[in-house]
PDB file of N, CA and C in Angstrom:
ATOM      1  N   MET A   1     -13.154  17.262 -13.982  1.00  0.00           N
ATOM      2  CA  MET A   1     -12.788  15.884 -13.671  1.00  0.00           C
ATOM      3  C   MET A   1     -11.465  15.569 -14.371  1.00  0.00           C
ATOM      4  N   THR A   2     -10.617  14.838 -13.681  1.00  0.00           N
ATOM      5  CA  THR A   2      -9.328  14.428 -14.232  1.00  0.00           C
ATOM      6  C   THR A   2      -9.262  12.907 -14.248  1.00  0.00           C
ATOM      7  N   ASP A   3      -8.187  12.375 -14.815  1.00  0.00           N
ATOM      8  CA  ASP A   3      -7.957  10.929 -14.744  1.00  0.00           C
ATOM      9  C   ASP A   3      -7.087  10.577 -13.545  1.00  0.00           C
ATOM     10  N   LYS A   4      -6.760  11.562 -12.712  1.00  0.00           N
ATOM     11  CA  LYS A   4      -5.919  11.331 -11.527  1.00  0.00           C
ATOM     12  C   LYS A   4      -6.778  10.808 -10.388  1.00  0.00           C
ATOM     13  N   THR A   5      -6.177   9.945  -9.574  1.00  0.00           N
ATOM     14  CA  THR A   5      -6.915   9.310  -8.482  1.00  0.00           C
ATOM     15  C   THR A   5      -6.097   9.272  -7.208  1.00  0.00           C
ATOM     16  N   VAL A   6      -6.803   9.088  -6.118  1.00  0.00           N
ATOM     17  CA  VAL A   6      -6.202   8.756  -4.829  1.00  0.00           C
ATOM     18  C   VAL A   6      -6.715   7.362  -4.489  1.00  0.00           C
ATOM     19  N   VAL A   7      -5.798   6.476  -4.154  1.00  0.00           N
ATOM     20  CA  VAL A   7      -6.169   5.123  -3.762  1.00  0.00           C
ATOM     21  C   VAL A   7      -5.791   4.954  -2.300  1.00  0.00           C
ATOM     22  N   LEU A   8      -6.707   4.423  -1.507  1.00  0.00           N
ATOM     23  CA  LEU A   8      -6.475   4.207  -0.080  1.00  0.00           C
ATOM     24  C   LEU A   8      -6.277   2.727   0.201  1.00  0.00           C
ATOM     25  N   SER A   9      -5.335   2.442   1.076  1.00  0.00           N
ATOM     26  CA  SER A   9      -5.114   1.081   1.549  1.00  0.00           C
ATOM     27  C   SER A   9      -4.548   1.167   2.959  1.00  0.00           C
ATOM     28  N   THR A  10      -4.787   0.150   3.757  1.00  0.00           N
ATOM     29  CA  THR A  10      -4.211   0.095   5.098  1.00  0.00           C
ATOM     30  C   THR A  10      -3.306  -1.120   5.200  1.00  0.00           C
ATOM     31  N   CYS A  11      -2.309  -1.022   6.091  1.00  0.00           N
ATOM     32  CA  CYS A  11      -1.348  -2.103   6.317  1.00  0.00           C
ATOM     33  C   CYS A  11      -1.204  -2.321   7.814  1.00  0.00           C
ATOM     34  N   GLY A  12      -0.832  -3.528   8.176  1.00  0.00           N
ATOM     35  CA  GLY A  12      -0.704  -3.883   9.581  1.00  0.00           C
ATOM     36  C   GLY A  12       0.590  -3.446  10.236  1.00  0.00           C
ATOM     37  N   SER A  13       1.578  -3.032   9.428  1.00  0.00           N
ATOM     38  CA  SER A  13       2.853  -2.601  10.011  1.00  0.00           C
ATOM     39  C   SER A  13       3.484  -1.514   9.145  1.00  0.00           C
ATOM     40  N   LEU A  14       4.341  -0.730   9.751  1.00  0.00           N
ATOM     41  CA  LEU A  14       5.057   0.315   9.026  1.00  0.00           C
ATOM     42  C   LEU A  14       5.982  -0.302   7.980  1.00  0.00           C
ATOM     43  N   GLU A  15       6.604  -1.413   8.302  1.00  0.00           N
ATOM     44  CA  GLU A  15       7.523  -2.061   7.363  1.00  0.00           C
ATOM     45  C   GLU A  15       6.781  -2.498   6.101  1.00  0.00           C
ATOM     46  N   GLU A  16       5.602  -3.104   6.283  1.00  0.00           N
ATOM     47  CA  GLU A  16       4.816  -3.521   5.125  1.00  0.00           C
ATOM     48  C   GLU A  16       4.375  -2.304   4.317  1.00  0.00           C
ATOM     49  N   ALA A  17       3.937  -1.249   4.984  1.00  0.00           N
ATOM     50  CA  ALA A  17       3.509  -0.028   4.298  1.00  0.00           C
ATOM     51  C   ALA A  17       4.651   0.551   3.478  1.00  0.00           C
ATOM     52  N   GLN A  18       5.838   0.617   4.049  1.00  0.00           N
ATOM     53  CA  GLN A  18       6.997   1.155   3.337  1.00  0.00           C
ATOM     54  C   GLN A  18       7.348   0.294   2.123  1.00  0.00           C
ATOM     55  N   SER A  19       7.281  -1.011   2.279  1.00  0.00           N
ATOM     56  CA  SER A  19       7.600  -1.921   1.186  1.00  0.00           C
ATOM     57  C   SER A  19       6.599  -1.778   0.040  1.00  0.00           C
ATOM     58  N   ILE A  20       5.321  -1.747   0.360  1.00  0.00           N
ATOM     59  CA  ILE A  20       4.300  -1.598  -0.675  1.00  0.00           C
ATOM     60  C   ILE A  20       4.433  -0.241  -1.362  1.00  0.00           C
ATOM     61  N   ALA A  21       4.615   0.815  -0.583  1.00  0.00           N
ATOM     62  CA  ALA A  21       4.745   2.165  -1.147  1.00  0.00           C
ATOM     63  C   ALA A  21       5.924   2.236  -2.117  1.00  0.00           C
ATOM     64  N   ARG A  22       7.062   1.752  -1.709  1.00  0.00           N
ATOM     65  CA  ARG A  22       8.263   1.797  -2.555  1.00  0.00           C
ATOM     66  C   ARG A  22       8.047   1.005  -3.843  1.00  0.00           C
ATOM     67  N   THR A  23       7.455  -0.176  -3.729  1.00  0.00           N
ATOM     68  CA  THR A  23       7.237  -1.019  -4.902  1.00  0.00           C
ATOM     69  C   THR A  23       6.273  -0.366  -5.882  1.00  0.00           C
ATOM     70  N   LEU A  24       5.198   0.250  -5.385  1.00  0.00           N
ATOM     71  CA  LEU A  24       4.242   0.911  -6.272  1.00  0.00           C
ATOM     72  C   LEU A  24       4.891   2.057  -7.034  1.00  0.00           C
ATOM     73  N   VAL A  25       5.738   2.823  -6.364  1.00  0.00           N
ATOM     74  CA  VAL A  25       6.432   3.930  -7.031  1.00  0.00           C
ATOM     75  C   VAL A  25       7.476   3.384  -8.007  1.00  0.00           C
ATOM     76  N   GLU A  26       8.231   2.362  -7.591  1.00  0.00           N
ATOM     77  CA  GLU A  26       9.236   1.778  -8.485  1.00  0.00           C
ATOM     78  C   GLU A  26       8.603   1.203  -9.748  1.00  0.00           C
ATOM     79  N   ARG A  27       7.432   0.589  -9.621  1.00  0.00           N
ATOM     80  CA  ARG A  27       6.728   0.011 -10.777  1.00  0.00           C
ATOM     81  C   ARG A  27       5.972   1.069 -11.587  1.00  0.00           C
ATOM     82  N   GLN A  28       6.069   2.314 -11.196  1.00  0.00           N
ATOM     83  CA  GLN A  28       5.404   3.451 -11.835  1.00  0.00           C
ATOM     84  C   GLN A  28       3.883   3.304 -11.855  1.00  0.00           C
ATOM     85  N   LEU A  29       3.362   2.697 -10.794  1.00  0.00           N
ATOM     86  CA  LEU A  29       1.921   2.602 -10.604  1.00  0.00           C
ATOM     87  C   LEU A  29       1.406   3.758  -9.753  1.00  0.00           C
ATOM     88  N   ALA A  30       2.327   4.470  -9.109  1.00  0.00           N
ATOM     89  CA  ALA A  30       1.993   5.624  -8.273  1.00  0.00           C
ATOM     90  C   ALA A  30       3.080   6.676  -8.427  1.00  0.00           C
ATOM     91  N   GLY A  31       2.664   7.926  -8.411  1.00  0.00           N
ATOM     92  CA  GLY A  31       3.631   9.008  -8.415  1.00  0.00           C
ATOM     93  C   GLY A  31       4.172   9.265  -7.024  1.00  0.00           C
ATOM     94  N   CYS A  32       3.333   9.039  -6.036  1.00  0.00           N
ATOM     95  CA  CYS A  32       3.678   9.304  -4.641  1.00  0.00           C
ATOM     96  C   CYS A  32       2.776   8.462  -3.762  1.00  0.00           C
ATOM     97  N   VAL A  33       3.324   7.999  -2.654  1.00  0.00           N
ATOM     98  CA  VAL A  33       2.523   7.314  -1.639  1.00  0.00           C
ATOM     99  C   VAL A  33       2.856   7.927  -0.293  1.00  0.00           C
ATOM    100  N   ASN A  34       1.847   8.484   0.363  1.00  0.00           N
ATOM    101  CA  ASN A  34       2.012   8.976   1.728  1.00  0.00           C
ATOM    102  C   ASN A  34       1.688   7.846   2.682  1.00  0.00           C
ATOM    103  N   ILE A  35       2.471   7.726   3.741  1.00  0.00           N
ATOM    104  CA  ILE A  35       2.235   6.723   4.776  1.00  0.00           C
ATOM    105  C   ILE A  35       1.849   7.460   6.053  1.00  0.00           C
ATOM    106  N   VAL A  36       0.648   7.202   6.518  1.00  0.00           N
ATOM    107  CA  VAL A  36       0.171   7.791   7.766  1.00  0.00           C
ATOM    108  C   VAL A  36       0.229   6.685   8.818  1.00  0.00           C
ATOM    109  N   PRO A  37       1.195   6.749   9.728  1.00  0.00           N
ATOM    110  CA  PRO A  37       1.331   5.682  10.716  1.00  0.00           C
ATOM    111  C   PRO A  37       0.277   5.790  11.814  1.00  0.00           C
ATOM    112  N   GLN A  38      -0.032   4.669  12.380  1.00  0.00           N
ATOM    113  CA  GLN A  38      -0.865   4.556  13.567  1.00  0.00           C
ATOM    114  C   GLN A  38      -2.247   5.188  13.449  1.00  0.00           C
ATOM    115  N   VAL A  39      -3.001   4.731  12.463  1.00  0.00           N
ATOM    116  CA  VAL A  39      -4.427   5.050  12.436  1.00  0.00           C
ATOM    117  C   VAL A  39      -5.147   3.913  13.146  1.00  0.00           C
ATOM    118  N   GLN A  40      -6.197   4.237  13.844  1.00  0.00           N
ATOM    119  CA  GLN A  40      -6.973   3.217  14.552  1.00  0.00           C
ATOM    120  C   GLN A  40      -8.149   2.826  13.680  1.00  0.00           C
ATOM    121  N   SER A  41      -8.261   1.559  13.365  1.00  0.00           N
ATOM    122  CA  SER A  41      -9.346   1.054  12.517  1.00  0.00           C
ATOM    123  C   SER A  41     -10.287   0.180  13.335  1.00  0.00           C
ATOM    124  N   VAL A  42     -11.580   0.376  13.137  1.00  0.00           N
ATOM    125  CA  VAL A  42     -12.610  -0.468  13.735  1.00  0.00           C
ATOM    126  C   VAL A  42     -13.393  -1.048  12.568  1.00  0.00           C
ATOM    127  N   TYR A  43     -13.555  -2.370  12.537  1.00  0.00           N
ATOM    128  CA  TYR A  43     -14.141  -3.027  11.372  1.00  0.00           C
ATOM    129  C   TYR A  43     -14.789  -4.351  11.780  1.00  0.00           C
ATOM    130  N   ARG A  44     -15.621  -4.864  10.898  1.00  0.00           N
ATOM    131  CA  ARG A  44     -16.235  -6.171  11.120  1.00  0.00           C
ATOM    132  C   ARG A  44     -15.452  -7.179  10.306  1.00  0.00           C
ATOM    133  N   TRP A  45     -15.017  -8.267  10.938  1.00  0.00           N
ATOM    134  CA  TRP A  45     -14.280  -9.335  10.262  1.00  0.00           C
ATOM    135  C   TRP A  45     -14.770 -10.678  10.784  1.00  0.00           C
ATOM    136  N   GLN A  46     -15.236 -11.500   9.879  1.00  0.00           N
ATOM    137  CA  GLN A  46     -15.731 -12.841  10.194  1.00  0.00           C
ATOM    138  C   GLN A  46     -16.766 -12.806  11.323  1.00  0.00           C
ATOM    139  N   GLY A  47     -17.681 -11.840  11.215  1.00  0.00           N
ATOM    140  CA  GLY A  47     -18.800 -11.747  12.140  1.00  0.00           C
ATOM    141  C   GLY A  47     -18.509 -11.059  13.457  1.00  0.00           C
ATOM    142  N   GLU A  48     -17.296 -10.628  13.677  1.00  0.00           N
ATOM    143  CA  GLU A  48     -16.916  -9.977  14.942  1.00  0.00           C
ATOM    144  C   GLU A  48     -16.459  -8.543  14.682  1.00  0.00           C
ATOM    145  N   VAL A  49     -16.714  -7.659  15.635  1.00  0.00           N
ATOM    146  CA  VAL A  49     -16.188  -6.301  15.562  1.00  0.00           C
ATOM    147  C   VAL A  49     -14.773  -6.325  16.124  1.00  0.00           C
ATOM    148  N   GLU A  50     -13.838  -5.869  15.317  1.00  0.00           N
ATOM    149  CA  GLU A  50     -12.418  -5.879  15.667  1.00  0.00           C
ATOM    150  C   GLU A  50     -11.880  -4.460  15.646  1.00  0.00           C
ATOM    151  N   SER A  51     -10.713  -4.276  16.219  1.00  0.00           N
ATOM    152  CA  SER A  51      -9.993  -3.004  16.082  1.00  0.00           C
ATOM    153  C   SER A  51      -8.513  -3.309  15.977  1.00  0.00           C
ATOM    154  N   ALA A  52      -7.812  -2.421  15.284  1.00  0.00           N
ATOM    155  CA  ALA A  52      -6.373  -2.615  15.080  1.00  0.00           C
ATOM    156  C   ALA A  52      -5.721  -1.274  14.807  1.00  0.00           C
ATOM    157  N   THR A  53      -4.464  -1.176  15.152  1.00  0.00           N
ATOM    158  CA  THR A  53      -3.648  -0.038  14.769  1.00  0.00           C
ATOM    159  C   THR A  53      -2.996  -0.388  13.441  1.00  0.00           C
ATOM    160  N   GLU A  54      -3.197   0.468  12.452  1.00  0.00           N
ATOM    161  CA  GLU A  54      -2.699   0.219  11.108  1.00  0.00           C
ATOM    162  C   GLU A  54      -1.983   1.466  10.583  1.00  0.00           C
ATOM    163  N   CYS A  55      -1.367   1.322   9.432  1.00  0.00           N
ATOM    164  CA  CYS A  55      -0.810   2.441   8.679  1.00  0.00           C
ATOM    165  C   CYS A  55      -1.703   2.654   7.464  1.00  0.00           C
ATOM    166  N   LEU A  56      -1.978   3.896   7.144  1.00  0.00           N
ATOM    167  CA  LEU A  56      -2.792   4.242   5.996  1.00  0.00           C
ATOM    168  C   LEU A  56      -1.889   4.657   4.848  1.00  0.00           C
ATOM    169  N   LEU A  57      -2.092   4.052   3.677  1.00  0.00           N
ATOM    170  CA  LEU A  57      -1.402   4.465   2.461  1.00  0.00           C
ATOM    171  C   LEU A  57      -2.332   5.374   1.669  1.00  0.00           C
ATOM    172  N   ILE A  58      -1.832   6.543   1.281  1.00  0.00           N
ATOM    173  CA  ILE A  58      -2.546   7.461   0.407  1.00  0.00           C
ATOM    174  C   ILE A  58      -1.739   7.489  -0.892  1.00  0.00           C
ATOM    175  N   ILE A  59      -2.278   6.828  -1.900  1.00  0.00           N
ATOM    176  CA  ILE A  59      -1.551   6.557  -3.138  1.00  0.00           C
ATOM    177  C   ILE A  59      -2.068   7.489  -4.232  1.00  0.00           C
ATOM    178  N   LYS A  60      -1.167   8.278  -4.838  1.00  0.00           N
ATOM    179  CA  LYS A  60      -1.550   9.164  -5.939  1.00  0.00           C
ATOM    180  C   LYS A  60      -1.232   8.466  -7.243  1.00  0.00           C
ATOM    181  N   SER A  61      -2.255   8.338  -8.117  1.00  0.00           N
ATOM    182  CA  SER A  61      -2.086   7.557  -9.333  1.00  0.00           C
ATOM    183  C   SER A  61      -3.028   8.075 -10.418  1.00  0.00           C
ATOM    184  N   THR A  62      -3.291   7.220 -11.416  1.00  0.00           N
ATOM    185  CA  THR A  62      -4.238   7.543 -12.476  1.00  0.00           C
ATOM    186  C   THR A  62      -5.225   6.392 -12.642  1.00  0.00           C
ATOM    187  N   SER A  63      -6.397   6.732 -13.153  1.00  0.00           N
ATOM    188  CA  SER A  63      -7.423   5.699 -13.315  1.00  0.00           C
ATOM    189  C   SER A  63      -6.998   4.619 -14.305  1.00  0.00           C
ATOM    190  N   GLY A  64      -6.148   4.955 -15.260  1.00  0.00           N
ATOM    191  CA  GLY A  64      -5.731   4.006 -16.275  1.00  0.00           C
ATOM    192  C   GLY A  64      -4.912   2.836 -15.772  1.00  0.00           C
ATOM    193  N   VAL A  65      -4.287   2.982 -14.605  1.00  0.00           N
ATOM    194  CA  VAL A  65      -3.458   1.890 -14.070  1.00  0.00           C
ATOM    195  C   VAL A  65      -4.079   1.247 -12.835  1.00  0.00           C
ATOM    196  N   PHE A  66      -5.331   1.615 -12.505  1.00  0.00           N
ATOM    197  CA  PHE A  66      -5.903   1.123 -11.253  1.00  0.00           C
ATOM    198  C   PHE A  66      -5.926  -0.399 -11.164  1.00  0.00           C
ATOM    199  N   GLU A  67      -6.313  -1.087 -12.217  1.00  0.00           N
ATOM    200  CA  GLU A  67      -6.369  -2.551 -12.144  1.00  0.00           C
ATOM    201  C   GLU A  67      -4.994  -3.140 -11.834  1.00  0.00           C
ATOM    202  N   ARG A  68      -3.952  -2.638 -12.480  1.00  0.00           N
ATOM    203  CA  ARG A  68      -2.592  -3.119 -12.208  1.00  0.00           C
ATOM    204  C   ARG A  68      -2.150  -2.762 -10.787  1.00  0.00           C
ATOM    205  N   LEU A  69      -2.522  -1.563 -10.337  1.00  0.00           N
ATOM    206  CA  LEU A  69      -2.186  -1.141  -8.972  1.00  0.00           C
ATOM    207  C   LEU A  69      -2.886  -2.048  -7.961  1.00  0.00           C
ATOM    208  N   ARG A  70      -4.178  -2.302  -8.178  1.00  0.00           N
ATOM    209  CA  ARG A  70      -4.943  -3.184  -7.289  1.00  0.00           C
ATOM    210  C   ARG A  70      -4.332  -4.583  -7.255  1.00  0.00           C
ATOM    211  N   ASP A  71      -3.950  -5.100  -8.417  1.00  0.00           N
ATOM    212  CA  ASP A  71      -3.331  -6.427  -8.465  1.00  0.00           C
ATOM    213  C   ASP A  71      -2.004  -6.443  -7.710  1.00  0.00           C
ATOM    214  N   ALA A  72      -1.238  -5.357  -7.803  1.00  0.00           N
ATOM    215  CA  ALA A  72       0.033  -5.267  -7.083  1.00  0.00           C
ATOM    216  C   ALA A  72      -0.203  -5.219  -5.579  1.00  0.00           C
ATOM    217  N   VAL A  73      -1.206  -4.468  -5.136  1.00  0.00           N
ATOM    218  CA  VAL A  73      -1.526  -4.422  -3.704  1.00  0.00           C
ATOM    219  C   VAL A  73      -1.888  -5.825  -3.215  1.00  0.00           C
ATOM    220  N   ARG A  74      -2.716  -6.536  -3.963  1.00  0.00           N
ATOM    221  CA  ARG A  74      -3.077  -7.909  -3.580  1.00  0.00           C
ATOM    222  C   ARG A  74      -1.838  -8.808  -3.494  1.00  0.00           C
ATOM    223  N   GLU A  75      -0.941  -8.674  -4.468  1.00  0.00           N
ATOM    224  CA  GLU A  75       0.282  -9.481  -4.507  1.00  0.00           C
ATOM    225  C   GLU A  75       1.191  -9.207  -3.312  1.00  0.00           C
ATOM    226  N   LEU A  76       1.333  -7.940  -2.947  1.00  0.00           N
ATOM    227  CA  LEU A  76       2.313  -7.519  -1.946  1.00  0.00           C
ATOM    228  C   LEU A  76       1.784  -7.545  -0.523  1.00  0.00           C
ATOM    229  N   HIS A  77       0.482  -7.574  -0.351  1.00  0.00           N
ATOM    230  CA  HIS A  77      -0.159  -7.368   0.951  1.00  0.00           C
ATOM    231  C   HIS A  77      -0.272  -8.662   1.743  1.00  0.00           C
ATOM    232  N   SER A  78      -0.174  -8.546   3.054  1.00  0.00           N
ATOM    233  CA  SER A  78      -0.314  -9.717   3.929  1.00  0.00           C
ATOM    234  C   SER A  78      -1.775 -10.013   4.292  1.00  0.00           C
ATOM    235  N   TYR A  79      -2.672  -9.035   4.116  1.00  0.00           N
ATOM    236  CA  TYR A  79      -4.067  -9.241   4.478  1.00  0.00           C
ATOM    237  C   TYR A  79      -4.765 -10.155   3.474  1.00  0.00           C
ATOM    238  N   GLU A  80      -5.690 -10.945   3.967  1.00  0.00           N
ATOM    239  CA  GLU A  80      -6.505 -11.797   3.105  1.00  0.00           C
ATOM    240  C   GLU A  80      -7.371 -10.951   2.167  1.00  0.00           C
ATOM    241  N   VAL A  81      -7.908  -9.852   2.699  1.00  0.00           N
ATOM    242  CA  VAL A  81      -8.742  -8.933   1.917  1.00  0.00           C
ATOM    243  C   VAL A  81      -8.217  -7.511   2.141  1.00  0.00           C
ATOM    244  N   PRO A  82      -7.191  -7.102   1.382  1.00  0.00           N
ATOM    245  CA  PRO A  82      -6.647  -5.763   1.597  1.00  0.00           C
ATOM    246  C   PRO A  82      -7.577  -4.674   1.062  1.00  0.00           C
ATOM    247  N   GLU A  83      -7.621  -3.579   1.788  1.00  0.00           N
ATOM    248  CA  GLU A  83      -8.356  -2.408   1.314  1.00  0.00           C
ATOM    249  C   GLU A  83      -7.649  -1.856   0.081  1.00  0.00           C
ATOM    250  N   CYS A  84      -8.423  -1.522  -0.939  1.00  0.00           N
ATOM    251  CA  CYS A  84      -7.890  -0.856  -2.123  1.00  0.00           C
ATOM    252  C   CYS A  84      -9.059  -0.113  -2.762  1.00  0.00           C
ATOM    253  N   ILE A  85      -9.193   1.163  -2.389  1.00  0.00           N
ATOM    254  CA  ILE A  85     -10.336   1.981  -2.793  1.00  0.00           C
ATOM    255  C   ILE A  85      -9.833   3.148  -3.630  1.00  0.00           C
ATOM    256  N   GLU A  86     -10.373   3.283  -4.828  1.00  0.00           N
ATOM    257  CA  GLU A  86      -9.978   4.369  -5.735  1.00  0.00           C
ATOM    258  C   GLU A  86     -10.972   5.516  -5.623  1.00  0.00           C
ATOM    259  N   LEU A  87     -10.460   6.729  -5.427  1.00  0.00           N
ATOM    260  CA  LEU A  87     -11.276   7.943  -5.372  1.00  0.00           C
ATOM    261  C   LEU A  87     -10.812   8.890  -6.473  1.00  0.00           C
ATOM    262  N   ALA A  88     -11.739   9.401  -7.247  1.00  0.00           N
ATOM    263  CA  ALA A  88     -11.405  10.321  -8.332  1.00  0.00           C
ATOM    264  C   ALA A  88     -10.986  11.678  -7.772  1.00  0.00           C
ATOM    265  N   ILE A  89      -9.989  12.268  -8.396  1.00  0.00           N
ATOM    266  CA  ILE A  89      -9.600  13.647  -8.082  1.00  0.00           C
ATOM    267  C   ILE A  89     -10.357  14.546  -9.054  1.00  0.00           C
ATOM    268  N   GLU A  90     -11.247  15.350  -8.533  1.00  0.00           N
ATOM    269  CA  GLU A  90     -12.063  16.243  -9.360  1.00  0.00           C
ATOM    270  C   GLU A  90     -11.229  17.342  -9.999  1.00  0.00           C
ATOM    271  N   ASP A  91     -10.331  17.931  -9.204  1.00  0.00           N
ATOM    272  CA  ASP A  91      -9.550  19.068  -9.670  1.00  0.00           C
ATOM    273  C   ASP A  91      -8.353  19.226  -8.751  1.00  0.00           C
ATOM    274  N   GLY A  92      -7.384  19.999  -9.159  1.00  0.00           N
ATOM    275  CA  GLY A  92      -6.210  20.242  -8.328  1.00  0.00           C
ATOM    276  C   GLY A  92      -5.230  21.133  -9.059  1.00  0.00           C
ATOM    277  N   ASP A  93      -4.112  21.374  -8.435  1.00  0.00           N
ATOM    278  CA  ASP A  93      -3.060  22.165  -9.058  1.00  0.00           C
ATOM    279  C   ASP A  93      -2.597  21.456 -10.335  1.00  0.00           C
ATOM    280  N   VAL A  94      -2.669  22.146 -11.449  1.00  0.00           N
ATOM    281  CA  VAL A  94      -2.359  21.541 -12.746  1.00  0.00           C
ATOM    282  C   VAL A  94      -0.938  20.995 -12.781  1.00  0.00           C
ATOM    283  N   SER A  95       0.008  21.721 -12.225  1.00  0.00           N
ATOM    284  CA  SER A  95       1.402  21.255 -12.234  1.00  0.00           C
ATOM    285  C   SER A  95       1.542  19.959 -11.460  1.00  0.00           C
ATOM    286  N   TYR A  96       0.877  19.851 -10.311  1.00  0.00           N
ATOM    287  CA  TYR A  96       0.948  18.622  -9.505  1.00  0.00           C
ATOM    288  C   TYR A  96       0.261  17.469 -10.227  1.00  0.00           C
ATOM    289  N   LEU A  97      -0.902  17.710 -10.805  1.00  0.00           N
ATOM    290  CA  LEU A  97      -1.609  16.665 -11.532  1.00  0.00           C
ATOM    291  C   LEU A  97      -0.805  16.193 -12.744  1.00  0.00           C
ATOM    292  N   ASP A  98      -0.159  17.123 -13.432  1.00  0.00           N
ATOM    293  CA  ASP A  98       0.710  16.750 -14.560  1.00  0.00           C
ATOM    294  C   ASP A  98       1.874  15.902 -14.080  1.00  0.00           C
ATOM    295  N   TRP A  99       2.436  16.241 -12.920  1.00  0.00           N
ATOM    296  CA  TRP A  99       3.544  15.459 -12.361  1.00  0.00           C
ATOM    297  C   TRP A  99       3.103  14.034 -12.059  1.00  0.00           C
ATOM    298  N   ILE A 100       1.904  13.861 -11.477  1.00  0.00           N
ATOM    299  CA  ILE A 100       1.395  12.514 -11.239  1.00  0.00           C
ATOM    300  C   ILE A 100       1.331  11.763 -12.564  1.00  0.00           C
ATOM    301  N   GLY A 101       0.731  12.387 -13.571  1.00  0.00           N
ATOM    302  CA  GLY A 101       0.590  11.734 -14.866  1.00  0.00           C
ATOM    303  C   GLY A 101       1.926  11.350 -15.486  1.00  0.00           C
ATOM    304  N   ALA A 102       2.939  12.186 -15.334  1.00  0.00           N
ATOM    305  CA  ALA A 102       4.263  11.881 -15.883  1.00  0.00           C
ATOM    306  C   ALA A 102       4.976  10.801 -15.092  1.00  0.00           C
ATOM    307  N   SER A 103       4.579  10.587 -13.845  1.00  0.00           N
ATOM    308  CA  SER A 103       5.248   9.612 -12.971  1.00  0.00           C
ATOM    309  C   SER A 103       4.666   8.217 -13.081  1.00  0.00           C
ATOM    310  N   VAL A 104       3.479   8.105 -13.680  1.00  0.00           N
ATOM    311  CA  VAL A 104       2.749   6.835 -13.744  1.00  0.00           C
ATOM    312  C   VAL A 104       2.742   6.343 -15.184  1.00  0.00           C
ATOM    313  N   ARG A 105       3.022   5.064 -15.361  1.00  0.00           N
ATOM    314  CA  ARG A 105       3.019   4.461 -16.714  1.00  0.00           C
ATOM    315  C   ARG A 105       2.061   3.306 -16.776  1.00  0.00           C
TER     316      ARG A 105
END
């Protein structure tokens, strides 16, 4: 087990995804953010089943900054309830994991 994490979030537009990704890296809350454009999401919102085309953010970070990262996503996001899910990285290439740790403050 490591202290490195992957955080998932979705955005309604590529522009918003790019803005959030850049800000998270600039604030050293993430070492890297991958943007996967055009994922199809099906979800329940206010009692109705909805669907939307979104962008998926795959955010590489550490557990120690998750609260600050989550607060930044809330601040920067246009959604009323933005997705922000932290998943632990069990193991990985040591050099890559060290790079994440050195990139996040």
